[in-house]
């Protein structure tokens, strides 16, 4: 079912990496967008000025602002969250508050005004489940509550459970998406995002730091493909009440990834393996594999990722080179 023309979307966290790309896509097709962002990890520079774009600096923890903005919009896309392994490990309390209380406020407001809601969740939901490819109903396998990483997974699971409960019990038109390692232009290296960090190390001639033994595998999807998936789900009434994985199924080890980046950049840098206990605070755990099964979204919407890892890396290297050149002028 196609969407009504020219809707107004509220995007929480809309000046962040994924949010700003979604803003661009919606405005390009004639929609209006209101962005709510506290700029803790987002950047105003990510948003291109447009008559159909309104930016509000504020927090999802501010109930009055959230209530007012949800009331003014047709659809709510909830992307605002504490993200990145580094940030979550270093500031667990802030992450928990933002990801649980903030989401509760947004979900309650969407219900109050009967607005369609898309909640962005994460592959972290699956915890240590390294089977694969992971389907949406796969088991969650978590470690001790003392391990900060699982606090993030737990917070995001609360978001999902809340959205689903509001859908089942109160009729909230909610969609949940689980994003797997989205990468591309505008992604900051500051919060532990692996590709931007490795690319910048290679260009600077520094050793590429790979945590653990580097055999852990991940799948990287280009942000343009992820935005395509989000828009298809937002436009499809049959997606309401369901949960979808969004990501690429092309698997690469982090060590292999580092080697590819050295090759692509022509860097003379070496690769340095750093034990987890040195890279993060005590109590960090990682998973050996994380591969999504995206059959569900493909069968509903026809979506499949188009960008290859080589194309993704080439684009990110080019962007990082331009950034570096701009700082040296």
Protein backbone atom coordinates (compact mmCIF):
# COMPACT_ATOMS: atom_id res chain seq x y z
CA UNK A 1 0.00 0.00 0.00
CA UNK A 2 1.47 3.36 -0.96
CA UNK A 3 1.78 6.26 1.45
CA UNK A 4 -0.38 9.36 1.50
CA UNK A 5 1.36 12.20 -0.36
CA UNK A 6 3.35 14.82 1.53
CA UNK A 7 3.31 13.58 5.09
CA UNK A 8 5.12 15.29 7.96
CA UNK A 9 7.66 13.05 9.68
CA UNK A 10 9.14 13.61 13.12
CA UNK A 11 12.62 12.08 13.25
CA UNK A 12 14.17 11.87 16.71
CA UNK A 13 17.96 11.87 16.38
CA UNK A 14 17.46 13.27 12.89
CA UNK A 15 20.78 15.12 12.67
CA UNK A 16 22.71 11.92 13.31
CA UNK A 17 24.27 9.63 10.72
CA UNK A 18 21.20 7.58 9.73
CA UNK A 19 18.65 10.26 10.66
CA UNK A 20 20.14 12.89 8.37
CA UNK A 21 20.16 10.51 5.38
CA UNK A 22 16.51 9.59 6.07
CA UNK A 23 15.69 13.31 6.30
CA UNK A 24 17.28 13.87 2.87
CA UNK A 25 15.34 10.98 1.32
CA UNK A 26 11.95 12.07 2.69
CA UNK A 27 12.42 15.72 1.70
CA UNK A 28 13.62 14.67 -1.78
CA UNK A 29 10.26 12.97 -2.40
CA UNK A 30 8.19 15.91 -1.17
CA UNK A 31 7.57 15.15 2.51
CA UNK A 32 8.17 17.55 5.39
CA UNK A 33 10.49 16.66 8.24
CA UNK A 34 10.80 17.89 11.81
CA UNK A 35 14.08 16.85 13.43
CA UNK A 36 14.40 16.62 17.21
CA UNK A 37 18.00 16.22 18.31
CA UNK A 38 20.06 17.28 21.33
CA UNK A 39 23.26 17.25 19.18
CA UNK A 40 25.09 15.01 21.68
CA UNK A 41 26.23 12.77 18.82
CA UNK A 42 24.43 14.32 15.84
CA UNK A 43 25.73 17.32 13.89
CA UNK A 44 23.79 20.25 12.53
CA UNK A 45 26.14 20.18 9.51
CA UNK A 46 24.55 16.85 8.52
CA UNK A 47 21.28 18.62 7.71
CA UNK A 48 20.86 20.59 4.49
CA UNK A 49 18.63 23.67 4.91
CA UNK A 50 15.28 23.25 3.16
CA UNK A 51 11.86 24.95 3.41
CA UNK A 52 10.31 21.59 4.37
CA UNK A 53 12.82 20.93 7.15
CA UNK A 54 12.49 22.22 10.71
CA UNK A 55 15.17 21.56 13.32
CA UNK A 56 14.37 21.56 17.04
CA UNK A 57 17.25 21.26 19.48
CA UNK A 58 15.99 19.27 22.43
CA UNK A 59 15.93 15.93 24.17
CA UNK A 60 13.57 12.95 23.90
CA UNK A 61 13.61 13.08 27.72
CA UNK A 62 11.69 16.39 27.52
CA UNK A 63 8.09 15.21 27.64
CA UNK A 64 6.58 18.58 26.69
CA UNK A 65 8.67 19.01 23.54
CA UNK A 66 8.07 15.41 22.46
CA UNK A 67 4.31 15.74 23.06
CA UNK A 68 4.08 18.95 21.05
CA UNK A 69 6.12 17.67 18.09
CA UNK A 70 4.39 14.27 17.87
CA UNK A 71 1.05 16.07 17.88
CA UNK A 72 2.17 18.20 14.89
CA UNK A 73 3.41 15.27 12.76
CA UNK A 74 1.84 12.37 10.86
CA UNK A 75 4.54 9.73 11.37
CA UNK A 76 7.23 9.31 14.05
CA UNK A 77 10.61 7.70 13.33
CA UNK A 78 12.43 7.10 16.60
CA UNK A 79 16.17 6.95 15.95
CA UNK A 80 17.47 8.93 18.95
CA UNK A 81 19.59 6.66 21.14
CA UNK A 82 22.96 6.35 22.81
CA UNK A 83 24.91 4.45 20.13
CA UNK A 84 28.34 2.93 19.57
CA UNK A 85 30.05 0.36 21.75
CA UNK A 86 32.57 2.90 23.07
CA UNK A 87 29.93 5.37 24.27
CA UNK A 88 27.79 2.64 25.82
CA UNK A 89 30.70 1.08 27.70
CA UNK A 90 31.97 4.45 28.95
CA UNK A 91 28.60 6.01 29.84
CA UNK A 92 26.24 3.17 30.72
CA UNK A 93 23.86 5.21 32.91
CA UNK A 94 23.31 7.88 30.25
CA UNK A 95 22.78 5.14 27.68
CA UNK A 96 20.18 3.37 29.82
CA UNK A 97 18.26 6.56 30.62
CA UNK A 98 18.18 7.71 26.99
CA UNK A 99 17.34 4.33 25.54
CA UNK A 100 14.63 3.32 28.02
CA UNK A 101 13.02 6.48 29.40
CA UNK A 102 13.42 8.43 26.16
CA UNK A 103 11.80 5.68 24.12
CA UNK A 104 8.98 5.35 26.65
CA UNK A 105 8.20 9.07 26.26
CA UNK A 106 8.21 8.87 22.45
CA UNK A 107 6.09 5.70 22.33
CA UNK A 108 3.55 7.11 24.81
CA UNK A 109 3.20 10.31 22.75
CA UNK A 110 2.76 8.35 19.50
CA UNK A 111 -0.02 6.36 21.16
CA UNK A 112 -1.64 9.49 22.62
CA UNK A 113 -2.03 11.00 19.14
CA UNK A 114 -2.46 7.71 17.22
CA UNK A 115 0.58 8.28 15.03
CA UNK A 116 2.40 5.59 13.10
CA UNK A 117 5.74 4.86 14.79
CA UNK A 118 8.92 3.22 13.54
CA UNK A 119 11.32 2.26 16.34
CA UNK A 120 14.97 1.68 15.41
CA UNK A 121 16.40 -1.22 17.38
CA UNK A 122 19.68 -3.04 16.93
CA UNK A 123 21.39 -6.33 16.15
CA UNK A 124 22.70 -6.10 19.74
CA UNK A 125 19.29 -7.57 20.65
CA UNK A 126 20.67 -11.03 19.77
CA UNK A 127 23.48 -10.68 22.30
CA UNK A 128 26.02 -13.49 22.09
CA UNK A 129 23.94 -15.56 19.67
CA UNK A 130 26.58 -16.21 17.00
CA UNK A 131 24.48 -18.65 14.99
CA UNK A 132 23.57 -17.32 11.63
CA UNK A 133 22.03 -15.96 9.65
CA UNK A 134 19.82 -14.71 12.50
CA UNK A 135 16.07 -14.60 11.94
CA UNK A 136 13.87 -12.10 13.79
CA UNK A 137 12.61 -14.79 16.17
CA UNK A 138 16.10 -16.08 17.07
CA UNK A 139 16.99 -16.50 20.74
CA UNK A 140 18.63 -13.69 22.67
CA UNK A 141 21.73 -14.97 24.50
CA UNK A 142 23.04 -12.50 27.06
CA UNK A 143 25.85 -12.57 29.58
CA UNK A 144 25.93 -11.26 33.13
CA UNK A 145 24.11 -8.05 34.07
CA UNK A 146 27.51 -6.82 35.31
CA UNK A 147 28.71 -6.65 31.69
CA UNK A 148 27.81 -3.19 30.38
CA UNK A 149 27.35 -4.30 26.78
CA UNK A 150 24.32 -6.41 27.72
CA UNK A 151 22.74 -3.42 29.45
CA UNK A 152 22.47 -1.78 26.01
CA UNK A 153 20.96 -4.91 24.51
CA UNK A 154 18.49 -5.06 27.40
CA UNK A 155 17.52 -1.39 27.05
CA UNK A 156 16.80 -1.80 23.35
CA UNK A 157 14.79 -4.95 24.03
CA UNK A 158 12.64 -2.94 26.46
CA UNK A 159 12.01 -0.44 23.61
CA UNK A 160 10.89 -3.29 21.34
CA UNK A 161 8.69 -4.91 24.00
CA UNK A 162 7.05 -1.55 24.80
CA UNK A 163 6.33 -0.79 21.15
CA UNK A 164 4.91 -4.28 20.62
CA UNK A 165 2.79 -4.12 23.79
CA UNK A 166 1.32 -0.76 22.75
CA UNK A 167 0.57 -2.25 19.33
CA UNK A 168 -1.13 -5.38 20.66
CA UNK A 169 -2.97 -3.90 23.63
CA UNK A 170 -3.72 -0.36 22.44
CA UNK A 171 -3.58 -0.49 18.67
CA UNK A 172 -0.48 1.68 18.19
CA UNK A 173 0.64 1.29 14.54
CA UNK A 174 4.26 0.41 15.35
CA UNK A 175 7.08 -1.09 13.28
CA UNK A 176 10.38 -2.29 14.80
CA UNK A 177 13.60 -2.53 12.79
CA UNK A 178 16.88 -4.09 13.89
CA UNK A 179 19.84 -2.43 12.18
CA UNK A 180 23.05 -4.38 11.55
CA UNK A 181 26.25 -2.33 11.18
CA UNK A 182 25.17 0.56 8.95
CA UNK A 183 28.06 2.48 7.38
CA UNK A 184 28.63 5.31 4.90
CA UNK A 185 29.10 9.07 4.57
CA UNK A 186 28.67 11.22 7.73
CA UNK A 187 29.42 8.37 10.13
CA UNK A 188 31.66 9.60 12.91
CA UNK A 189 34.69 7.58 14.06
CA UNK A 190 34.23 8.98 17.58
CA UNK A 191 31.98 6.32 19.11
CA UNK A 192 33.78 3.11 18.31
CA UNK A 193 32.45 2.72 14.75
CA UNK A 194 34.98 0.37 13.24
CA UNK A 195 35.20 1.35 9.53
CA UNK A 196 35.56 5.16 9.97
CA UNK A 197 38.15 4.54 12.69
CA UNK A 198 40.25 2.09 10.65
CA UNK A 199 40.10 4.28 7.52
CA UNK A 200 41.32 7.35 9.39
CA UNK A 201 44.12 5.35 11.04
CA UNK A 202 45.23 4.10 7.61
CA UNK A 203 45.22 7.58 6.06
CA UNK A 204 47.16 8.99 9.00
CA UNK A 205 49.78 6.25 8.70
CA UNK A 206 48.94 4.97 12.18
CA UNK A 207 48.64 1.27 13.02
CA UNK A 208 45.12 -0.08 12.39
CA UNK A 209 43.93 -1.27 15.78
CA UNK A 210 41.86 -4.45 15.68
CA UNK A 211 40.33 -5.58 18.96
CA UNK A 212 40.53 -9.22 20.04
CA UNK A 213 42.06 -11.62 17.51
CA UNK A 214 40.26 -10.11 14.52
CA UNK A 215 38.47 -13.33 13.55
CA UNK A 216 35.07 -11.95 14.62
CA UNK A 217 32.89 -11.33 11.57
CA UNK A 218 30.40 -8.56 10.79
CA UNK A 219 28.21 -7.52 7.85
CA UNK A 220 28.22 -3.89 6.70
CA UNK A 221 25.29 -2.26 4.89
CA UNK A 222 25.50 1.09 3.10
CA UNK A 223 23.34 3.77 4.67
CA UNK A 224 21.58 4.40 1.33
CA UNK A 225 20.40 0.78 1.28
CA UNK A 226 19.25 1.02 4.90
CA UNK A 227 17.27 4.21 4.15
CA UNK A 228 15.66 2.47 1.16
CA UNK A 229 14.56 -0.32 3.55
CA UNK A 230 13.17 2.11 6.13
CA UNK A 231 11.17 4.05 3.53
CA UNK A 232 9.72 0.84 2.04
CA UNK A 233 8.56 -0.28 5.50
CA UNK A 234 7.12 3.13 6.39
CA UNK A 235 5.12 3.05 3.14
CA UNK A 236 3.82 -0.49 3.62
CA UNK A 237 0.79 -0.93 5.90
CA UNK A 238 1.49 -4.67 6.16
CA UNK A 239 4.72 -3.88 8.07
CA UNK A 240 2.78 -2.56 11.08
CA UNK A 241 3.04 -4.79 14.14
CA UNK A 242 6.14 -6.56 12.84
CA UNK A 243 9.90 -6.63 13.44
CA UNK A 244 12.45 -6.64 10.61
CA UNK A 245 16.19 -7.18 10.33
CA UNK A 246 17.90 -4.65 8.04
CA UNK A 247 21.47 -5.31 6.96
CA UNK A 248 23.81 -6.96 4.52
CA UNK A 249 24.53 -10.69 4.64
CA UNK A 250 28.04 -10.30 3.18
CA UNK A 251 30.29 -11.43 6.03
CA UNK A 252 33.86 -10.20 6.62
CA UNK A 253 36.28 -10.69 9.51
CA UNK A 254 37.54 -7.51 11.16
CA UNK A 255 41.14 -8.52 10.41
CA UNK A 256 40.27 -9.02 6.72
CA UNK A 257 38.46 -5.67 6.79
CA UNK A 258 41.60 -3.94 8.12
CA UNK A 259 43.69 -5.55 5.35
CA UNK A 260 41.20 -4.39 2.70
CA UNK A 261 41.37 -0.83 4.04
CA UNK A 262 45.20 -0.82 4.00
CA UNK A 263 45.08 -2.03 0.38
CA UNK A 264 42.44 0.50 -0.71
CA UNK A 265 44.18 3.48 0.89
CA UNK A 266 47.67 2.43 -0.22
CA UNK A 267 48.71 2.92 3.39
CA UNK A 268 52.01 1.67 4.80
CA UNK A 269 50.34 1.13 8.18
CA UNK A 270 50.57 -2.17 10.00
CA UNK A 271 47.76 -3.91 11.86
CA UNK A 272 47.90 -4.14 15.63
CA UNK A 273 45.80 -6.63 17.62
CA UNK A 274 44.65 -5.22 20.96
CA UNK A 275 43.11 -7.46 23.64
CA UNK A 276 39.57 -6.45 24.65
CA UNK A 277 40.65 -5.82 28.25
CA UNK A 278 43.02 -3.11 26.97
CA UNK A 279 40.56 -1.60 24.47
CA UNK A 280 37.59 -1.40 26.85
CA UNK A 281 36.94 -1.37 30.56
CA UNK A 282 36.80 -4.62 32.50
CA UNK A 283 33.89 -6.89 31.69
CA UNK A 284 33.59 -6.36 27.94
CA UNK A 285 32.34 -9.27 25.84
CA UNK A 286 32.04 -9.63 22.09
CA UNK A 287 30.34 -12.04 19.70
CA UNK A 288 32.14 -14.08 17.05
CA UNK A 289 29.53 -13.61 14.29
CA UNK A 290 26.62 -11.34 13.54
CA UNK A 291 24.82 -12.05 10.27
CA UNK A 292 21.21 -11.05 9.57
CA UNK A 293 18.59 -13.10 7.76
CA UNK A 294 16.67 -10.48 5.77
CA UNK A 295 14.20 -12.84 4.09
CA UNK A 296 11.26 -11.23 5.91
CA UNK A 297 11.76 -7.67 4.59
CA UNK A 298 12.65 -8.97 1.13
CA UNK A 299 9.44 -11.01 0.90
CA UNK A 300 7.28 -8.10 2.08
CA UNK A 301 8.88 -5.20 0.18
CA UNK A 302 11.31 -6.64 -2.39
CA UNK A 303 14.22 -4.93 -0.62
CA UNK A 304 17.79 -6.13 -0.94
CA UNK A 305 21.06 -4.24 -0.36
CA UNK A 306 22.74 -3.07 -3.56
CA UNK A 307 26.12 -1.68 -2.45
CA UNK A 308 29.07 -4.08 -2.12
CA UNK A 309 31.68 -3.82 0.63
CA UNK A 310 34.31 -2.64 -1.89
CA UNK A 311 31.99 0.18 -3.04
CA UNK A 312 31.22 1.12 0.56
CA UNK A 313 34.90 1.24 1.55
CA UNK A 314 35.90 3.23 -1.55
CA UNK A 315 33.28 5.88 -0.75
CA UNK A 316 34.28 6.13 2.92
CA UNK A 317 37.98 6.38 2.03
CA UNK A 318 37.19 9.17 -0.47
CA UNK A 319 35.15 11.09 2.12
CA UNK A 320 37.91 10.71 4.75
CA UNK A 321 40.55 11.93 2.25
CA UNK A 322 38.44 15.02 1.49
CA UNK A 323 38.00 15.72 5.21
CA UNK A 324 41.73 15.37 5.76
CA UNK A 325 42.52 17.68 2.85
CA UNK A 326 40.06 20.29 4.18
CA UNK A 327 41.76 20.32 7.62
CA UNK A 328 45.18 20.85 6.02
CA UNK A 329 44.14 23.90 3.96
